[in-house]
C-alpha atoms as a PDB file:
ATOM      1  CA  MET A   1      -2.402  23.540 -39.680  1.00  0.00           C
ATOM      2  CA  ASN A   2      -1.738  26.614 -37.533  1.00  0.00           C
ATOM      3  CA  ARG A   3      -3.664  27.355 -34.358  1.00  0.00           C
ATOM      4  CA  ALA A   4      -5.844  30.082 -35.921  1.00  0.00           C
ATOM      5  CA  ARG A   5      -7.075  27.718 -38.619  1.00  0.00           C
ATOM      6  CA  VAL A   6      -7.650  24.941 -36.075  1.00  0.00           C
ATOM      7  CA  LEU A   7      -9.633  27.325 -33.877  1.00  0.00           C
ATOM      8  CA  ALA A   8     -11.734  28.536 -36.814  1.00  0.00           C
ATOM      9  CA  ALA A   9     -12.499  24.974 -37.924  1.00  0.00           C
ATOM     10  CA  ASP A  10     -13.399  23.922 -34.385  1.00  0.00           C
ATOM     11  CA  LEU A  11     -15.705  26.892 -33.837  1.00  0.00           C
ATOM     12  CA  ARG A  12     -17.380  26.243 -37.186  1.00  0.00           C
ATOM     13  CA  ALA A  13     -17.971  22.601 -36.245  1.00  0.00           C
ATOM     14  CA  ALA A  14     -19.335  23.641 -32.850  1.00  0.00           C
ATOM     15  CA  ALA A  15     -21.725  26.148 -34.455  1.00  0.00           C
ATOM     16  CA  GLN A  16     -22.993  23.379 -36.742  1.00  0.00           C
ATOM     17  CA  GLY A  17     -23.495  21.044 -33.780  1.00  0.00           C
ATOM     18  CA  ARG A  18     -20.847  18.568 -34.912  1.00  0.00           C
ATOM     19  CA  GLY A  19     -18.891  16.733 -32.252  1.00  0.00           C
ATOM     20  CA  PRO A  20     -16.875  16.041 -30.268  1.00  0.00           C
ATOM     21  CA  ALA A  21     -17.423  18.810 -27.732  1.00  0.00           C
ATOM     22  CA  VAL A  22     -14.869  21.631 -27.891  1.00  0.00           C
ATOM     23  CA  SER A  23     -16.547  24.033 -25.465  1.00  0.00           C
ATOM     24  CA  SER A  24     -18.215  23.772 -22.084  1.00  0.00           C
ATOM     25  CA  ARG A  25     -20.948  26.156 -23.289  1.00  0.00           C
ATOM     26  CA  ALA A  26     -22.040  24.467 -26.524  1.00  0.00           C
ATOM     27  CA  TRP A  27     -22.646  20.714 -26.633  1.00  0.00           C
ATOM     28  CA  PRO A  28     -22.737  18.923 -30.013  1.00  0.00           C
ATOM     29  CA  ARG A  29     -26.076  17.606 -31.282  1.00  0.00           C
ATOM     30  CA  GLU A  30     -25.357  13.984 -30.404  1.00  0.00           C
ATOM     31  CA  LEU A  31     -24.539  14.841 -26.799  1.00  0.00           C
ATOM     32  CA  ARG A  32     -27.589  17.102 -26.446  1.00  0.00           C
ATOM     33  CA  ALA A  33     -29.807  14.327 -27.826  1.00  0.00           C
ATOM     34  CA  ALA A  34     -28.416  11.804 -25.352  1.00  0.00           C
ATOM     35  CA  PHE A  35     -28.891  14.198 -22.421  1.00  0.00           C
ATOM     36  CA  PRO A  36     -31.841  16.441 -23.277  1.00  0.00           C
ATOM     37  CA  GLY A  37     -32.975  19.379 -21.203  1.00  0.00           C
ATOM     38  CA  ARG A  38     -31.158  22.354 -19.783  1.00  0.00           C
ATOM     39  CA  GLN A  39     -27.684  21.553 -18.518  1.00  0.00           C
ATOM     40  CA  ARG A  40     -26.678  24.217 -16.022  1.00  0.00           C
ATOM     41  CA  ARG A  41     -22.940  24.761 -16.090  1.00  0.00           C
ATOM     42  CA  LEU A  42     -21.646  24.856 -12.528  1.00  0.00           C
ATOM     43  CA  GLU A  43     -17.913  25.130 -13.107  1.00  0.00           C
ATOM     44  CA  ALA A  44     -15.429  25.021 -15.981  1.00  0.00           C
ATOM     45  CA  TRP A  45     -11.647  25.089 -16.168  1.00  0.00           C
ATOM     46  CA  VAL A  46      -8.700  24.162 -18.360  1.00  0.00           C
ATOM     47  CA  GLY A  47      -6.136  21.767 -16.912  1.00  0.00           C
ATOM     48  CA  GLU A  48      -3.014  20.024 -18.103  1.00  0.00           C
ATOM     49  CA  GLY A  49      -3.918  17.924 -21.123  1.00  0.00           C
ATOM     50  CA  ALA A  50      -7.681  18.597 -21.181  1.00  0.00           C
ATOM     51  CA  ALA A  51     -10.496  20.939 -20.177  1.00  0.00           C
ATOM     52  CA  PHE A  52     -13.273  20.118 -17.720  1.00  0.00           C
ATOM     53  CA  ALA A  53     -16.782  21.199 -16.800  1.00  0.00           C
ATOM     54  CA  ARG A  54     -19.448  20.282 -14.243  1.00  0.00           C
ATOM     55  CA  TYR A  55     -23.181  20.457 -14.904  1.00  0.00           C
ATOM     56  CA  GLY A  56     -26.465  20.065 -13.113  1.00  0.00           C
ATOM     57  CA  GLY A  57     -29.496  18.981 -15.119  1.00  0.00           C
ATOM     58  CA  PRO A  58     -32.416  16.579 -15.480  1.00  0.00           C
ATOM     59  CA  GLN A  59     -30.120  13.541 -15.536  1.00  0.00           C
ATOM     60  CA  GLY A  60     -28.292  14.583 -12.385  1.00  0.00           C
ATOM     61  CA  PRO A  61     -24.745  15.890 -11.962  1.00  0.00           C
ATOM     62  CA  LEU A  62     -22.528  15.403 -15.033  1.00  0.00           C
ATOM     63  CA  PHE A  63     -18.787  15.804 -15.648  1.00  0.00           C
ATOM     64  CA  LEU A  64     -17.365  16.624 -19.095  1.00  0.00           C
ATOM     65  CA  LYS A  65     -13.726  16.187 -20.101  1.00  0.00           C
ATOM     66  CA  TYR A  66     -12.774  17.456 -23.555  1.00  0.00           C
ATOM     67  CA  LEU A  67     -10.105  19.007 -25.788  1.00  0.00           C
ATOM     68  CA  PRO A  68     -10.919  22.702 -26.291  1.00  0.00           C
ATOM     69  CA  ALA A  69     -11.348  24.574 -29.553  1.00  0.00           C
ATOM     70  CA  GLY A  70      -7.989  25.555 -30.997  1.00  0.00           C
ATOM     71  CA  TRP A  71      -6.076  22.645 -29.541  1.00  0.00           C
ATOM     72  CA  ALA A  72      -4.310  20.265 -31.914  1.00  0.00           C
ATOM     73  CA  ASP A  73      -2.451  18.196 -29.333  1.00  0.00           C
ATOM     74  CA  ALA A  74      -1.985  14.640 -30.600  1.00  0.00           C
ATOM     75  CA  ARG A  75      -0.626  13.433 -27.250  1.00  0.00           C
ATOM     76  CA  ALA A  76      -3.631  14.821 -25.377  1.00  0.00           C
ATOM     77  CA  TYR A  77      -5.937  13.173 -27.912  1.00  0.00           C
ATOM     78  CA  ARG A  78      -4.250   9.788 -27.473  1.00  0.00           C
ATOM     79  CA  ARG A  79      -4.627  10.018 -23.698  1.00  0.00           C
ATOM     80  CA  LEU A  80      -8.297  10.931 -23.866  1.00  0.00           C
ATOM     81  CA  ALA A  81      -8.953   8.232 -26.473  1.00  0.00           C
ATOM     82  CA  ARG A  82      -7.162   5.726 -24.236  1.00  0.00           C
ATOM     83  CA  GLU A  83      -9.332   6.780 -21.278  1.00  0.00           C
ATOM     84  CA  VAL A  84     -12.472   6.363 -23.366  1.00  0.00           C
ATOM     85  CA  ALA A  85     -11.345   2.892 -24.468  1.00  0.00           C
ATOM     86  CA  PHE A  86     -10.597   1.803 -20.913  1.00  0.00           C
ATOM     87  CA  LEU A  87     -13.843   3.155 -19.450  1.00  0.00           C
ATOM     88  CA  ARG A  88     -15.901   1.728 -22.320  1.00  0.00           C
ATOM     89  CA  ASP A  89     -14.324  -1.701 -22.806  1.00  0.00           C
ATOM     90  CA  LEU A  90     -12.659  -2.704 -19.543  1.00  0.00           C
ATOM     91  CA  ALA A  91     -13.741  -0.687 -16.513  1.00  0.00           C
ATOM     92  CA  PRO A  92     -17.323  -2.048 -16.386  1.00  0.00           C
ATOM     93  CA  HIS A  93     -15.900  -5.505 -15.615  1.00  0.00           C
ATOM     94  CA  MET A  94     -13.500  -4.606 -12.802  1.00  0.00           C
ATOM     95  CA  PRO A  95     -14.255  -4.616  -9.060  1.00  0.00           C
ATOM     96  CA  VAL A  96     -12.595  -1.233  -8.510  1.00  0.00           C
ATOM     97  CA  PRO A  97     -15.069   1.682  -8.069  1.00  0.00           C
ATOM     98  CA  HIS A  98     -14.959   4.276 -10.839  1.00  0.00           C
ATOM     99  CA  ALA A  99     -17.199   6.871 -12.491  1.00  0.00           C
ATOM    100  CA  PRO A 100     -18.887   5.000 -15.377  1.00  0.00           C
ATOM    101  CA  LEU A 101     -18.651   6.352 -18.900  1.00  0.00           C
ATOM    102  CA  LEU A 102     -21.962   7.876 -20.024  1.00  0.00           C
ATOM    103  CA  HIS A 103     -20.990   9.271 -23.434  1.00  0.00           C
ATOM    104  CA  ALA A 104     -17.904   9.711 -25.592  1.00  0.00           C
ATOM    105  CA  GLY A 105     -16.949  11.395 -28.848  1.00  0.00           C
ATOM    106  CA  LEU A 106     -13.765  10.796 -30.838  1.00  0.00           C
ATOM    107  CA  ASP A 107     -12.547  12.363 -34.085  1.00  0.00           C
ATOM    108  CA  ALA A 108      -8.966  11.407 -34.905  1.00  0.00           C
ATOM    109  CA  SER A 109      -8.931  13.509 -38.088  1.00  0.00           C
ATOM    110  CA  ARG A 110      -9.595  16.694 -36.078  1.00  0.00           C
ATOM    111  CA  VAL A 111      -7.707  15.489 -32.972  1.00  0.00           C
ATOM    112  CA  LYS A 112     -10.796  16.088 -30.840  1.00  0.00           C
ATOM    113  CA  ALA A 113     -12.393  13.981 -28.124  1.00  0.00           C
ATOM    114  CA  HIS A 114     -14.716  14.176 -25.152  1.00  0.00           C
ATOM    115  CA  LEU A 115     -16.041  11.902 -22.448  1.00  0.00           C
ATOM    116  CA  LEU A 116     -18.941  12.372 -20.060  1.00  0.00           C
ATOM    117  CA  THR A 117     -19.300  10.690 -16.669  1.00  0.00           C
ATOM    118  CA  ARG A 118     -21.319  11.180 -13.532  1.00  0.00           C
ATOM    119  CA  ASP A 119     -19.999  14.127 -11.524  1.00  0.00           C
ATOM    120  CA  LEU A 120     -18.939  12.859  -8.094  1.00  0.00           C
ATOM    121  CA  THR A 121     -17.925  16.219  -6.592  1.00  0.00           C
ATOM    122  CA  ASP A 122     -20.813  16.610  -4.168  1.00  0.00           C
ATOM    123  CA  CYS A 123     -20.795  13.012  -2.905  1.00  0.00           C
ATOM    124  CA  THR A 124     -17.045  12.534  -2.470  1.00  0.00           C
ATOM    125  CA  SER A 125     -14.018  14.244  -0.989  1.00  0.00           C
ATOM    126  CA  GLY A 126     -10.442  14.409  -2.228  1.00  0.00           C
ATOM    127  CA  TRP A 127      -6.975  14.496  -0.744  1.00  0.00           C
ATOM    128  CA  GLY A 128      -7.445  18.083   0.410  1.00  0.00           C
ATOM    129  CA  ALA A 129     -10.070  16.980   2.920  1.00  0.00           C
ATOM    130  CA  PHE A 130      -7.386  15.268   5.014  1.00  0.00           C
ATOM    131  CA  THR A 131      -5.983  17.762   7.491  1.00  0.00           C
ATOM    132  CA  THR A 132      -3.634  15.675   9.638  1.00  0.00           C
ATOM    133  CA  ASP A 133      -0.591  13.549   8.892  1.00  0.00           C
ATOM    134  CA  GLU A 134      -2.385  10.538  10.359  1.00  0.00           C
ATOM    135  CA  GLN A 135      -5.319  10.979   7.966  1.00  0.00           C
ATOM    136  CA  ARG A 136      -3.029  11.427   4.971  1.00  0.00           C
ATOM    137  CA  GLU A 137      -0.990   8.354   5.853  1.00  0.00           C
ATOM    138  CA  ARG A 138      -4.164   6.296   6.216  1.00  0.00           C
ATOM    139  CA  ALA A 139      -5.288   7.565   2.819  1.00  0.00           C
ATOM    140  CA  LEU A 140      -1.993   6.451   1.246  1.00  0.00           C
ATOM    141  CA  HIS A 141      -2.625   2.944   2.564  1.00  0.00           C
ATOM    142  CA  ASP A 142      -6.133   3.117   1.052  1.00  0.00           C
ATOM    143  CA  LEU A 143      -4.659   4.218  -2.275  1.00  0.00           C
ATOM    144  CA  LEU A 144      -2.288   1.245  -2.455  1.00  0.00           C
ATOM    145  CA  ARG A 145      -4.998  -1.205  -1.381  1.00  0.00           C
ATOM    146  CA  LEU A 146      -7.138   0.114  -4.221  1.00  0.00           C
ATOM    147  CA  ALA A 147      -4.210  -0.284  -6.626  1.00  0.00           C
ATOM    148  CA  ALA A 148      -3.708  -3.858  -5.386  1.00  0.00           C
ATOM    149  CA  ARG A 149      -7.287  -4.793  -6.274  1.00  0.00           C
ATOM    150  CA  PHE A 150      -6.848  -3.166  -9.687  1.00  0.00           C
ATOM    151  CA  HIS A 151      -3.586  -5.013 -10.405  1.00  0.00           C
ATOM    152  CA  ALA A 152      -4.760  -8.388  -9.091  1.00  0.00           C
ATOM    153  CA  PHE A 153      -7.919  -8.315 -11.207  1.00  0.00           C
ATOM    154  CA  TRP A 154      -6.187  -7.505 -14.496  1.00  0.00           C
ATOM    155  CA  HIS A 155      -3.431 -10.018 -13.778  1.00  0.00           C
ATOM    156  CA  GLY A 156      -5.937 -12.755 -13.017  1.00  0.00           C
ATOM    157  CA  GLN A 157      -9.666 -12.896 -13.677  1.00  0.00           C
ATOM    158  CA  GLY A 158      -9.733  -9.866 -15.957  1.00  0.00           C
ATOM    159  CA  ARG A 159      -6.876 -10.968 -18.196  1.00  0.00           C
ATOM    160  CA  ARG A 160      -9.159 -12.823 -20.609  1.00  0.00           C
ATOM    161  CA  ARG A 161     -10.777  -9.491 -21.507  1.00  0.00           C
ATOM    162  CA  LEU A 162      -7.501  -7.847 -22.548  1.00  0.00           C
ATOM    163  CA  THR A 163      -7.076  -7.324 -26.273  1.00  0.00           C
ATOM    164  CA  PRO A 164      -3.572  -7.028 -27.802  1.00  0.00           C
ATOM    165  CA  GLU A 165      -3.374  -3.279 -27.111  1.00  0.00           C
ATOM    166  CA  TRP A 166      -3.715  -4.069 -23.389  1.00  0.00           C
ATOM    167  CA  THR A 167      -1.076  -6.808 -23.214  1.00  0.00           C
ATOM    168  CA  TRP A 168       2.467  -6.255 -21.990  1.00  0.00           C
ATOM    169  CA  ASP A 169       5.606  -6.738 -24.068  1.00  0.00           C
ATOM    170  CA  PRO A 170       8.740  -6.203 -21.938  1.00  0.00           C
ATOM    171  CA  ALA A 171      10.919  -6.182 -25.070  1.00  0.00           C
ATOM    172  CA  VAL A 172       9.283  -2.918 -26.158  1.00  0.00           C
ATOM    173  CA  MET A 173      10.030  -1.345 -22.786  1.00  0.00           C
ATOM    174  CA  VAL A 174      13.676  -2.428 -23.030  1.00  0.00           C
ATOM    175  CA  GLN A 175      13.949  -1.068 -26.592  1.00  0.00           C
ATOM    176  CA  GLN A 176      12.531   2.286 -25.454  1.00  0.00           C
ATOM    177  CA  ALA A 177      15.066   2.434 -22.626  1.00  0.00           C
ATOM    178  CA  GLU A 178      17.944   1.701 -25.004  1.00  0.00           C
ATOM    179  CA  ALA A 179      16.742   4.369 -27.425  1.00  0.00           C
ATOM    180  CA  LEU A 180      16.474   6.919 -24.616  1.00  0.00           C
ATOM    181  CA  THR A 181      20.013   6.369 -23.334  1.00  0.00           C
ATOM    182  CA  ALA A 182      21.464   6.376 -26.847  1.00  0.00           C
ATOM    183  CA  ARG A 183      20.217   9.900 -27.549  1.00  0.00           C
ATOM    184  CA  ARG A 184      20.633  11.530 -24.110  1.00  0.00           C
ATOM    185  CA  PRO A 185      23.277  14.274 -24.130  1.00  0.00           C
ATOM    186  CA  GLN A 186      26.291  14.084 -21.813  1.00  0.00           C
ATOM    187  CA  HIS A 187      25.016  16.947 -19.633  1.00  0.00           C
ATOM    188  CA  ALA A 188      21.486  15.536 -19.184  1.00  0.00           C
ATOM    189  CA  PRO A 189      20.332  15.470 -15.535  1.00  0.00           C
ATOM    190  CA  HIS A 190      20.933  12.147 -13.759  1.00  0.00           C
ATOM    191  CA  ARG A 191      22.449  10.715 -16.933  1.00  0.00           C
ATOM    192  CA  ASP A 192      24.409   7.987 -15.109  1.00  0.00           C
ATOM    193  CA  ALA A 193      21.406   6.885 -13.057  1.00  0.00           C
ATOM    194  CA  VAL A 194      19.237   6.680 -16.171  1.00  0.00           C
ATOM    195  CA  ALA A 195      21.890   4.671 -18.012  1.00  0.00           C
ATOM    196  CA  ASP A 196      22.228   2.318 -15.029  1.00  0.00           C
ATOM    197  CA  ALA A 197      18.465   1.789 -14.882  1.00  0.00           C
ATOM    198  CA  ALA A 198      18.405   0.987 -18.607  1.00  0.00           C
ATOM    199  CA  ARG A 199      21.241  -1.532 -18.204  1.00  0.00           C
ATOM    200  CA  GLN A 200      19.505  -3.293 -15.324  1.00  0.00           C
ATOM    201  CA  LEU A 201      16.009  -3.144 -16.792  1.00  0.00           C
ATOM    202  CA  PRO A 202      15.922  -6.548 -18.592  1.00  0.00           C
ATOM    203  CA  ASP A 203      16.915  -8.402 -15.424  1.00  0.00           C
ATOM    204  CA  LEU A 204      14.572  -6.339 -13.228  1.00  0.00           C
ATOM    205  CA  LEU A 205      11.620  -7.027 -15.524  1.00  0.00           C
ATOM    206  CA  ALA A 206      12.397 -10.747 -15.623  1.00  0.00           C
ATOM    207  CA  ARG A 207      12.337 -10.849 -11.822  1.00  0.00           C
ATOM    208  CA  ALA A 208       9.042  -8.950 -11.687  1.00  0.00           C
ATOM    209  CA  HIS A 209       7.163 -10.678 -14.511  1.00  0.00           C
ATOM    210  CA  ARG A 210       3.543 -10.275 -13.361  1.00  0.00           C
ATOM    211  CA  PRO A 211       1.823  -8.610 -16.322  1.00  0.00           C
ATOM    212  CA  THR A 212      -1.260  -6.568 -15.565  1.00  0.00           C
ATOM    213  CA  VAL A 213      -2.878  -3.236 -16.390  1.00  0.00           C
ATOM    214  CA  VAL A 214      -1.555  -0.241 -14.452  1.00  0.00           C
ATOM    215  CA  HIS A 215      -3.087   3.160 -13.842  1.00  0.00           C
ATOM    216  CA  GLY A 216       0.042   4.884 -15.130  1.00  0.00           C
ATOM    217  CA  ASP A 217      -0.233   8.104 -13.094  1.00  0.00           C
ATOM    218  CA  LEU A 218      -1.157   6.860  -9.636  1.00  0.00           C
ATOM    219  CA  HIS A 219      -1.038   9.397  -6.820  1.00  0.00           C
ATOM    220  CA  SER A 220      -3.216  10.785  -4.051  1.00  0.00           C
ATOM    221  CA  GLY A 221      -5.094  13.130  -6.390  1.00  0.00           C
ATOM    222  CA  GLN A 222      -6.405  10.198  -8.433  1.00  0.00           C
ATOM    223  CA  VAL A 223      -8.721   8.933  -5.706  1.00  0.00           C
ATOM    224  CA  LEU A 224     -12.027  10.309  -4.452  1.00  0.00           C
ATOM    225  CA  TRP A 225     -13.405   9.060  -1.151  1.00  0.00           C
ATOM    226  CA  GLY A 226     -17.125   8.431  -0.765  1.00  0.00           C
ATOM    227  CA  ALA A 227     -19.122   9.038   2.398  1.00  0.00           C
ATOM    228  CA  ASP A 228     -18.620   5.370   3.288  1.00  0.00           C
ATOM    229  CA  GLY A 229     -14.842   5.806   3.097  1.00  0.00           C
ATOM    230  CA  GLN A 230     -14.535   3.738  -0.066  1.00  0.00           C
ATOM    231  CA  GLY A 231     -12.014   4.975  -2.607  1.00  0.00           C
ATOM    232  CA  ILE A 232     -12.976   5.665  -6.221  1.00  0.00           C
ATOM    233  CA  LEU A 233     -10.151   5.583  -8.768  1.00  0.00           C
ATOM    234  CA  ILE A 234     -10.283   8.271 -11.478  1.00  0.00           C
ATOM    235  CA  ASP A 235      -8.356   9.583 -14.516  1.00  0.00           C
ATOM    236  CA  TYR A 236      -7.418   6.675 -16.777  1.00  0.00           C
ATOM    237  CA  GLY A 237      -5.672   8.555 -19.592  1.00  0.00           C
ATOM    238  CA  GLN A 238      -2.300   6.913 -18.965  1.00  0.00           C
ATOM    239  CA  THR A 239      -3.591   3.422 -18.251  1.00  0.00           C
ATOM    240  CA  HIS A 240      -1.563   0.730 -20.021  1.00  0.00           C
ATOM    241  CA  ALA A 241      -0.134  -2.759 -19.721  1.00  0.00           C
ATOM    242  CA  SER A 242       2.887  -3.145 -17.443  1.00  0.00           C
ATOM    243  CA  ILE A 243       3.856  -4.681 -14.099  1.00  0.00           C
ATOM    244  CA  PRO A 244       2.358  -3.674 -10.714  1.00  0.00           C
ATOM    245  CA  GLY A 245       5.660  -2.165  -9.624  1.00  0.00           C
ATOM    246  CA  GLU A 246       5.235   0.724 -12.043  1.00  0.00           C
ATOM    247  CA  ASP A 247       2.277   2.091 -10.077  1.00  0.00           C
ATOM    248  CA  LEU A 248       3.890   1.252  -6.736  1.00  0.00           C
ATOM    249  CA  ALA A 249       7.008   3.215  -7.596  1.00  0.00           C
ATOM    250  CA  HIS A 250       5.044   6.140  -9.004  1.00  0.00           C
ATOM    251  CA  VAL A 251       3.414   6.607  -5.610  1.00  0.00           C
ATOM    252  CA  LEU A 252       6.492   5.943  -3.473  1.00  0.00           C
ATOM    253  CA  ALA A 253       9.416   7.063  -5.624  1.00  0.00           C
ATOM    254  CA  VAL A 254       7.985   9.878  -7.755  1.00  0.00           C
ATOM    255  CA  ARG A 255       5.300  11.418  -5.570  1.00  0.00           C
ATOM    256  CA  LEU A 256       6.495  10.780  -2.008  1.00  0.00           C
ATOM    257  CA  ALA A 257       9.293  12.892  -0.503  1.00  0.00           C
ATOM    258  CA  ALA A 258      12.400  10.959   0.536  1.00  0.00           C
ATOM    259  CA  PRO A 259      11.908  11.438   4.316  1.00  0.00           C
ATOM    260  CA  ASP A 260       8.306  10.218   4.068  1.00  0.00           C
ATOM    261  CA  ARG A 261       9.391   7.316   1.877  1.00  0.00           C
ATOM    262  CA  ALA A 262      12.002   6.247   4.438  1.00  0.00           C
ATOM    263  CA  ARG A 263       9.404   6.341   7.180  1.00  0.00           C
ATOM    264  CA  LEU A 264       6.405   4.824   5.387  1.00  0.00           C
ATOM    265  CA  GLN A 265       7.659   2.593   2.579  1.00  0.00           C
ATOM    266  CA  ALA A 266       7.833  -0.712   4.477  1.00  0.00           C
ATOM    267  CA  GLU A 267       4.322  -0.338   5.932  1.00  0.00           C
ATOM    268  CA  LEU A 268       2.840   0.807   2.617  1.00  0.00           C
ATOM    269  CA  LEU A 269       4.364  -2.098   0.709  1.00  0.00           C
ATOM    270  CA  GLU A 270       3.024  -4.526   3.311  1.00  0.00           C
ATOM    271  CA  SER A 271      -0.478  -3.015   3.056  1.00  0.00           C
ATOM    272  CA  TYR A 272      -0.252  -3.409  -0.709  1.00  0.00           C
ATOM    273  CA  ARG A 273       0.963  -7.014  -0.451  1.00  0.00           C
ATOM    274  CA  ASP A 274      -1.812  -7.942   1.978  1.00  0.00           C
ATOM    275  CA  ALA A 275      -4.511  -6.415  -0.255  1.00  0.00           C
ATOM    276  CA  LEU A 276      -2.982  -8.068  -3.312  1.00  0.00           C
ATOM    277  CA  GLY A 277      -3.199 -11.473  -1.628  1.00  0.00           C
ATOM    278  CA  GLN A 278      -6.793 -10.892  -0.560  1.00  0.00           C
ATOM    279  CA  ALA A 279      -7.593 -10.073  -4.196  1.00  0.00           C
ATOM    280  CA  GLY A 280      -6.043 -13.330  -5.405  1.00  0.00           C
ATOM    281  CA  LEU A 281      -2.451 -12.453  -6.318  1.00  0.00           C
ATOM    282  CA  VAL A 282      -0.168 -13.847  -3.617  1.00  0.00           C
ATOM    283  CA  LEU A 283       3.367 -12.437  -3.584  1.00  0.00           C
ATOM    284  CA  SER A 284       6.096 -12.725  -0.983  1.00  0.00           C
ATOM    285  CA  ALA A 285       7.618  -9.624   0.578  1.00  0.00           C
ATOM    286  CA  ALA A 286      10.700 -10.193  -1.585  1.00  0.00           C
ATOM    287  CA  GLU A 287       8.558 -10.382  -4.725  1.00  0.00           C
ATOM    288  CA  VAL A 288       6.807  -7.111  -3.873  1.00  0.00           C
ATOM    289  CA  GLN A 289      10.201  -5.528  -3.296  1.00  0.00           C
ATOM    290  CA  ALA A 290      11.300  -6.789  -6.728  1.00  0.00           C
ATOM    291  CA  GLN A 291       8.179  -5.204  -8.220  1.00  0.00           C
ATOM    292  CA  TYR A 292       8.991  -1.905  -6.548  1.00  0.00           C
ATOM    293  CA  ARG A 293      12.615  -1.918  -7.667  1.00  0.00           C
ATOM    294  CA  ALA A 294      11.664  -2.645 -11.279  1.00  0.00           C
ATOM    295  CA  GLY A 295       9.028   0.057 -11.005  1.00  0.00           C
ATOM    296  CA  VAL A 296      11.597   2.607  -9.848  1.00  0.00           C
ATOM    297  CA  ALA A 297      13.654   1.862 -12.965  1.00  0.00           C
ATOM    298  CA  ILE A 298      10.600   2.177 -15.210  1.00  0.00           C
ATOM    299  CA  ASN A 299       9.608   5.505 -13.639  1.00  0.00           C
ATOM    300  CA  LEU A 300      13.152   6.871 -13.789  1.00  0.00           C
ATOM    301  CA  LEU A 301      13.323   6.110 -17.500  1.00  0.00           C
ATOM    302  CA  SER A 302       9.851   7.431 -18.309  1.00  0.00           C
ATOM    303  CA  THR A 303      10.397  10.613 -16.270  1.00  0.00           C
ATOM    304  CA  ALA A 304      13.743  11.224 -17.996  1.00  0.00           C
ATOM    305  CA  ARG A 305      11.965  10.813 -21.329  1.00  0.00           C
ATOM    306  CA  GLN A 306       9.293  13.298 -20.258  1.00  0.00           C
ATOM    307  CA  ALA A 307      11.899  15.788 -18.999  1.00  0.00           C
ATOM    308  CA  ALA A 308      13.641  15.717 -22.375  1.00  0.00           C
ATOM    309  CA  ARG A 309      10.343  16.335 -24.153  1.00  0.00           C
ATOM    310  CA  THR A 310       8.779  18.958 -21.859  1.00  0.00           C
ATOM    311  CA  PRO A 311      11.375  20.485 -19.533  1.00  0.00           C
ATOM    312  CA  GLY A 312       9.992  22.349 -16.542  1.00  0.00           C
ATOM    313  CA  SER A 313      10.331  22.618 -12.787  1.00  0.00           C
ATOM    314  CA  GLY A 314       7.596  20.069 -12.063  1.00  0.00           C
ATOM    315  CA  VAL A 315       8.998  17.281 -14.200  1.00  0.00           C
ATOM    316  CA  GLN A 316      12.545  18.086 -13.039  1.00  0.00           C
ATOM    317  CA  GLU A 317      11.458  17.714  -9.407  1.00  0.00           C
ATOM    318  CA  ALA A 318       9.886  14.368 -10.274  1.00  0.00           C
ATOM    319  CA  LEU A 319      13.109  13.275 -11.984  1.00  0.00           C
ATOM    320  CA  ASP A 320      15.163  14.322  -8.937  1.00  0.00           C
ATOM    321  CA  SER A 321      12.819  12.398  -6.643  1.00  0.00           C
ATOM    322  CA  VAL A 322      12.844   9.143  -8.597  1.00  0.00           C
ATOM    323  CA  ALA A 323      16.617   9.356  -9.146  1.00  0.00           C
ATOM    324  CA  THR A 324      17.010   9.617  -5.369  1.00  0.00           C
ATOM    325  CA  ALA A 325      14.814   6.534  -4.950  1.00  0.00           C
ATOM    326  CA  TRP A 326      16.915   4.665  -7.531  1.00  0.00           C
ATOM    327  CA  ALA A 327      20.075   5.506  -5.564  1.00  0.00           C
ATOM    328  CA  GLU A 328      18.382   4.181  -2.417  1.00  0.00           C
ATOM    329  CA  GLU A 329      17.746   0.860  -4.163  1.00  0.00           C
ATOM    330  CA  ASN A 330      21.329   0.563  -5.398  1.00  0.00           C
END
């Protein structure tokens, strides 16, 4: 179905009040019934993979995330459906602060979805509020402590709540790595590093076998800080089963510049290890390092896969960064 036909069908459904939401201006009947009264739209924008809107109304501040009219993006739908599943089925049980799910709509046949949560904008601050290097470094420690609580819970007490879709199979990860290297062209960026990571992956995963649920896209923009200084973890569209090192390496190897990584890595890993132990998962410094090294391999492979699918300056910079981190570990 071409985009014009998708757009026409979506607008027709919106006019009839059928969900999920495809516009920030017109809510479907089911959503209006759940949150009656005038919802004053405060802000709306389209981002990467979804659109967003903030509202003020009788029920307080609300935040809508949805796939706009005209989109037929199966990958974006899967991510939003995954976020709905996590917020609905798992997040209410975890000790990590988050914005609870208030409403959701899913329609796989139309590749449309929405979720509604409390809007935290006015009672929290983000990474941009930190104006000094000292504040930003402290916030990075907070981010990894929050991740440690998340990982420890889903490795331990929360594991009994994980259905098969949330359980980790390292063999699948190895198969994906083998498939990636088999089809990468000779001139692909960092081809040798990617092939090396794929070769070492089975051993790295065996040394870091601590299955849990990971955020999947952990970085400084995924945390909001409340007035009490407590971090609130957001954006669960890439959440999946893996090992803790995947999130660790995404922060340190993908998002952090090499000079900052050289300066901060040891302290950040120790903060993470300490918080992990306090949350019930005791690892030695060597075991945390093994997690990180396996995580660098995982992120190198996944970023190479993304670069092949959607080439662009942003993903290429991420690939360069994680390839540098892989070289540091080898």
